[in-house]
């Protein structure tokens, strides 16, 4: 249960029954093609709890420099426990 928003386009796993707003299938486009030079995008994790992340691409590394792609090399803050009930539950 997640979704990426990149330059006004939403990417995720479309609901097979057609519920909810339409999203582009995340399996049809790579992140590098979806970003196409864009440096910031949003990542919504767990629709029920609504963890909204802002991601900023600061540097691109050669593909051979990382064991897998994409590869997060740094981050700020810590993540809350799974299924805590969103920001109110975490507070």
N, C-alpha and C. Protein backbone atom coordinates (compact mmCIF):
# COMPACT_ATOMS: atom_id res chain seq x y z
N UNK A 1 0.84 -1.17 0.00
CA UNK A 1 0.00 0.00 0.00
C UNK A 1 0.89 1.24 0.00
N UNK A 2 1.21 1.69 -1.21
CA UNK A 2 2.08 2.85 -1.33
C UNK A 2 1.82 3.53 -2.67
N UNK A 3 2.35 4.74 -2.78
CA UNK A 3 2.20 5.48 -4.02
C UNK A 3 3.28 6.55 -4.11
N UNK A 4 3.79 6.75 -5.30
CA UNK A 4 4.76 7.81 -5.58
C UNK A 4 4.05 8.91 -6.35
N UNK A 5 4.35 10.16 -6.04
CA UNK A 5 3.83 11.30 -6.81
C UNK A 5 5.04 12.04 -7.35
N UNK A 6 5.16 12.04 -8.68
CA UNK A 6 6.30 12.67 -9.34
C UNK A 6 5.76 13.62 -10.40
N UNK A 7 6.00 14.90 -10.20
CA UNK A 7 5.58 15.95 -11.15
C UNK A 7 4.10 15.83 -11.52
N UNK A 8 3.26 15.63 -10.51
CA UNK A 8 1.82 15.57 -10.74
C UNK A 8 1.28 14.24 -11.23
N UNK A 9 2.15 13.28 -11.47
CA UNK A 9 1.74 11.94 -11.90
C UNK A 9 1.86 10.98 -10.72
N UNK A 10 0.86 10.13 -10.53
CA UNK A 10 0.88 9.15 -9.44
C UNK A 10 1.23 7.77 -9.98
N UNK A 11 2.12 7.09 -9.26
CA UNK A 11 2.56 5.75 -9.63
C UNK A 11 2.35 4.81 -8.45
N UNK A 12 1.87 3.63 -8.74
CA UNK A 12 1.65 2.64 -7.69
C UNK A 12 1.16 1.35 -8.32
N UNK A 13 0.35 0.65 -7.55
CA UNK A 13 -0.24 -0.60 -8.03
C UNK A 13 -1.72 -0.32 -8.25
N UNK A 14 -2.16 -0.24 -9.50
CA UNK A 14 -3.58 0.05 -9.76
C UNK A 14 -4.48 -1.01 -9.15
N UNK A 15 -5.61 -0.58 -8.61
CA UNK A 15 -6.58 -1.50 -8.05
C UNK A 15 -7.23 -2.29 -9.17
N UNK A 16 -7.19 -3.63 -9.11
CA UNK A 16 -7.74 -4.43 -10.20
C UNK A 16 -9.25 -4.25 -10.37
N UNK A 17 -9.93 -3.80 -9.32
CA UNK A 17 -11.38 -3.59 -9.39
C UNK A 17 -11.75 -2.17 -9.77
N UNK A 18 -10.73 -1.32 -9.96
CA UNK A 18 -10.98 0.05 -10.41
C UNK A 18 -11.38 1.01 -9.31
N UNK A 19 -11.20 0.65 -8.06
CA UNK A 19 -11.54 1.55 -6.95
C UNK A 19 -10.46 2.61 -6.80
N UNK A 20 -10.84 3.74 -6.28
CA UNK A 20 -9.88 4.81 -6.01
C UNK A 20 -9.47 5.55 -7.26
N UNK A 21 -8.69 6.61 -7.05
CA UNK A 21 -8.24 7.40 -8.20
C UNK A 21 -7.27 6.59 -9.05
N UNK A 22 -7.21 6.88 -10.34
CA UNK A 22 -6.30 6.14 -11.22
C UNK A 22 -4.84 6.44 -10.91
N UNK A 23 -4.02 5.41 -11.04
CA UNK A 23 -2.57 5.57 -10.87
C UNK A 23 -1.88 4.88 -12.04
N UNK A 24 -0.72 5.39 -12.40
CA UNK A 24 0.11 4.74 -13.40
C UNK A 24 0.75 3.52 -12.76
N UNK A 25 0.81 2.43 -13.48
CA UNK A 25 1.42 1.23 -12.94
C UNK A 25 2.91 1.44 -12.73
N UNK A 26 3.37 1.18 -11.52
CA UNK A 26 4.79 1.37 -11.21
C UNK A 26 5.67 0.34 -11.89
N UNK A 27 5.08 -0.71 -12.42
CA UNK A 27 5.88 -1.74 -13.10
C UNK A 27 6.16 -1.36 -14.55
N UNK A 28 5.53 -0.30 -15.03
CA UNK A 28 5.68 0.08 -16.44
C UNK A 28 6.73 1.16 -16.68
N UNK A 29 7.27 1.75 -15.60
CA UNK A 29 8.23 2.83 -15.78
C UNK A 29 9.28 2.76 -14.68
N UNK A 30 10.53 2.93 -15.04
CA UNK A 30 11.60 2.94 -14.04
C UNK A 30 11.62 4.29 -13.33
N UNK A 31 12.21 4.31 -12.16
CA UNK A 31 12.29 5.55 -11.40
C UNK A 31 13.08 6.61 -12.17
N UNK A 32 14.15 6.22 -12.80
CA UNK A 32 14.97 7.19 -13.54
C UNK A 32 14.17 7.82 -14.68
N UNK A 33 13.31 7.04 -15.33
CA UNK A 33 12.49 7.58 -16.42
C UNK A 33 11.35 8.45 -15.87
N UNK A 34 10.79 8.06 -14.73
CA UNK A 34 9.71 8.85 -14.14
C UNK A 34 10.24 10.19 -13.62
N UNK A 35 11.43 10.18 -13.05
CA UNK A 35 12.00 11.42 -12.53
C UNK A 35 12.43 12.36 -13.64
N UNK A 36 13.09 11.84 -14.66
CA UNK A 36 13.52 12.61 -15.82
C UNK A 36 14.08 13.97 -15.43
N UNK A 37 15.06 13.96 -14.53
CA UNK A 37 15.70 15.18 -14.10
C UNK A 37 15.08 15.87 -12.89
N UNK A 38 13.92 15.41 -12.45
CA UNK A 38 13.27 15.99 -11.28
C UNK A 38 14.03 15.58 -10.03
N UNK A 39 14.22 16.50 -9.12
CA UNK A 39 15.04 16.24 -7.93
C UNK A 39 14.22 15.93 -6.68
N UNK A 40 12.91 16.21 -6.67
CA UNK A 40 12.10 15.99 -5.48
C UNK A 40 10.80 15.27 -5.87
N UNK A 41 10.38 14.35 -5.00
CA UNK A 41 9.11 13.69 -5.21
C UNK A 41 8.56 13.20 -3.88
N UNK A 42 7.32 12.75 -3.88
CA UNK A 42 6.66 12.29 -2.66
C UNK A 42 6.44 10.79 -2.71
N UNK A 43 6.48 10.19 -1.54
CA UNK A 43 6.25 8.76 -1.38
C UNK A 43 5.27 8.59 -0.24
N UNK A 44 4.09 8.08 -0.53
CA UNK A 44 3.07 7.83 0.49
C UNK A 44 3.09 6.35 0.82
N UNK A 45 3.33 6.05 2.08
CA UNK A 45 3.39 4.66 2.53
C UNK A 45 2.24 4.39 3.48
N UNK A 46 1.56 3.30 3.29
CA UNK A 46 0.47 2.84 4.14
C UNK A 46 -0.69 3.83 4.13
N UNK A 47 -1.60 3.62 3.20
CA UNK A 47 -2.73 4.54 3.03
C UNK A 47 -3.52 4.74 4.31
N UNK A 48 -3.65 3.69 5.12
CA UNK A 48 -4.41 3.80 6.36
C UNK A 48 -3.74 4.71 7.38
N UNK A 49 -2.42 4.63 7.50
CA UNK A 49 -1.71 5.46 8.47
C UNK A 49 -1.22 6.77 7.85
N UNK A 50 -1.04 6.78 6.53
CA UNK A 50 -0.71 8.02 5.81
C UNK A 50 0.67 8.57 6.08
N UNK A 51 1.69 7.73 5.97
CA UNK A 51 3.06 8.23 6.14
C UNK A 51 3.51 8.86 4.83
N UNK A 52 3.62 10.17 4.83
CA UNK A 52 3.96 10.93 3.63
C UNK A 52 5.42 11.36 3.71
N UNK A 53 6.23 10.88 2.78
CA UNK A 53 7.66 11.18 2.76
C UNK A 53 7.97 12.11 1.60
N UNK A 54 8.85 13.05 1.84
CA UNK A 54 9.38 13.92 0.78
C UNK A 54 10.80 13.44 0.50
N UNK A 55 11.05 13.08 -0.73
CA UNK A 55 12.35 12.54 -1.10
C UNK A 55 13.06 13.52 -2.03
N UNK A 56 14.32 13.78 -1.73
CA UNK A 56 15.13 14.70 -2.52
C UNK A 56 16.33 13.94 -3.06
N UNK A 57 16.48 13.94 -4.37
CA UNK A 57 17.63 13.31 -5.01
C UNK A 57 18.76 14.33 -4.99
N UNK A 58 19.80 14.02 -4.25
CA UNK A 58 20.91 14.97 -4.14
C UNK A 58 22.06 14.65 -5.07
N UNK A 59 22.22 13.37 -5.40
CA UNK A 59 23.35 12.98 -6.22
C UNK A 59 23.05 11.65 -6.89
N UNK A 60 23.44 11.52 -8.13
CA UNK A 60 23.33 10.24 -8.84
C UNK A 60 24.69 9.59 -8.85
N UNK A 61 24.72 8.31 -8.54
CA UNK A 61 25.97 7.55 -8.58
C UNK A 61 25.94 6.60 -9.76
N UNK A 62 27.09 6.23 -10.29
CA UNK A 62 27.12 5.24 -11.37
C UNK A 62 26.49 3.93 -10.89
N UNK A 63 25.79 3.25 -11.76
CA UNK A 63 25.08 2.02 -11.39
C UNK A 63 26.00 0.99 -10.76
N UNK A 64 27.25 0.90 -11.19
CA UNK A 64 28.18 -0.07 -10.64
C UNK A 64 28.63 0.25 -9.22
N UNK A 65 28.35 1.45 -8.74
CA UNK A 65 28.79 1.86 -7.40
C UNK A 65 27.90 1.32 -6.29
N UNK A 66 26.74 0.82 -6.64
CA UNK A 66 25.77 0.35 -5.65
C UNK A 66 25.40 -1.10 -5.92
N UNK A 67 25.20 -1.89 -4.86
CA UNK A 67 24.83 -3.29 -5.07
C UNK A 67 23.43 -3.48 -5.65
N UNK A 68 22.58 -2.51 -5.46
CA UNK A 68 21.23 -2.56 -6.01
C UNK A 68 20.80 -1.14 -6.34
N UNK A 69 19.85 -0.99 -7.20
CA UNK A 69 19.41 0.33 -7.61
C UNK A 69 17.89 0.38 -7.48
N UNK A 70 17.24 1.39 -6.90
CA UNK A 70 17.87 2.52 -6.23
C UNK A 70 18.45 2.11 -4.88
N UNK A 71 19.30 2.94 -4.36
CA UNK A 71 20.04 2.62 -3.14
C UNK A 71 20.08 3.87 -2.27
N UNK A 72 19.51 3.82 -1.09
CA UNK A 72 19.50 4.96 -0.18
C UNK A 72 20.78 4.93 0.64
N UNK A 73 21.55 6.00 0.59
CA UNK A 73 22.82 6.03 1.32
C UNK A 73 22.75 6.86 2.59
N UNK A 74 21.67 7.61 2.79
CA UNK A 74 21.56 8.43 3.99
C UNK A 74 20.10 8.82 4.19
N UNK A 75 19.78 9.19 5.39
CA UNK A 75 18.43 9.65 5.70
C UNK A 75 18.42 10.37 7.03
N UNK A 76 17.37 11.10 7.29
CA UNK A 76 17.24 11.83 8.53
C UNK A 76 16.09 11.25 9.35
N UNK A 77 16.24 11.30 10.64
CA UNK A 77 15.22 10.85 11.59
C UNK A 77 15.06 9.33 11.56
N UNK A 78 14.19 8.84 12.37
CA UNK A 78 13.95 7.41 12.46
C UNK A 78 12.53 7.11 12.02
N UNK A 79 12.27 5.88 11.70
CA UNK A 79 10.91 5.54 11.28
C UNK A 79 10.12 5.01 12.49
N UNK A 80 8.83 5.22 12.49
CA UNK A 80 7.99 4.70 13.57
C UNK A 80 7.76 3.20 13.38
N UNK A 81 7.31 2.53 14.42
CA UNK A 81 6.98 1.11 14.29
C UNK A 81 5.85 0.89 13.28
N UNK A 82 5.80 -0.27 12.69
CA UNK A 82 4.77 -0.62 11.71
C UNK A 82 3.39 -0.64 12.39
N UNK A 83 2.38 -0.17 11.65
CA UNK A 83 0.97 -0.18 12.10
C UNK A 83 0.77 0.48 13.47
N UNK A 84 1.38 1.63 13.65
CA UNK A 84 1.26 2.36 14.92
C UNK A 84 0.02 3.25 14.95
N UNK A 85 -0.60 3.47 13.78
CA UNK A 85 -1.80 4.29 13.73
C UNK A 85 -1.55 5.70 13.23
N UNK A 86 -0.53 5.85 12.40
CA UNK A 86 -0.24 7.16 11.84
C UNK A 86 0.42 8.09 12.83
N UNK A 87 0.47 9.38 12.49
CA UNK A 87 1.12 10.37 13.35
C UNK A 87 0.49 10.44 14.74
N UNK A 88 -0.85 10.40 14.86
CA UNK A 88 -1.44 10.44 16.20
C UNK A 88 -1.02 9.26 17.08
N UNK A 89 -0.96 8.07 16.49
CA UNK A 89 -0.54 6.89 17.24
C UNK A 89 0.92 6.96 17.64
N UNK A 90 1.74 7.57 16.80
CA UNK A 90 3.16 7.70 17.08
C UNK A 90 3.40 8.71 18.20
N UNK A 91 2.58 9.77 18.20
CA UNK A 91 2.71 10.81 19.24
C UNK A 91 2.37 10.21 20.60
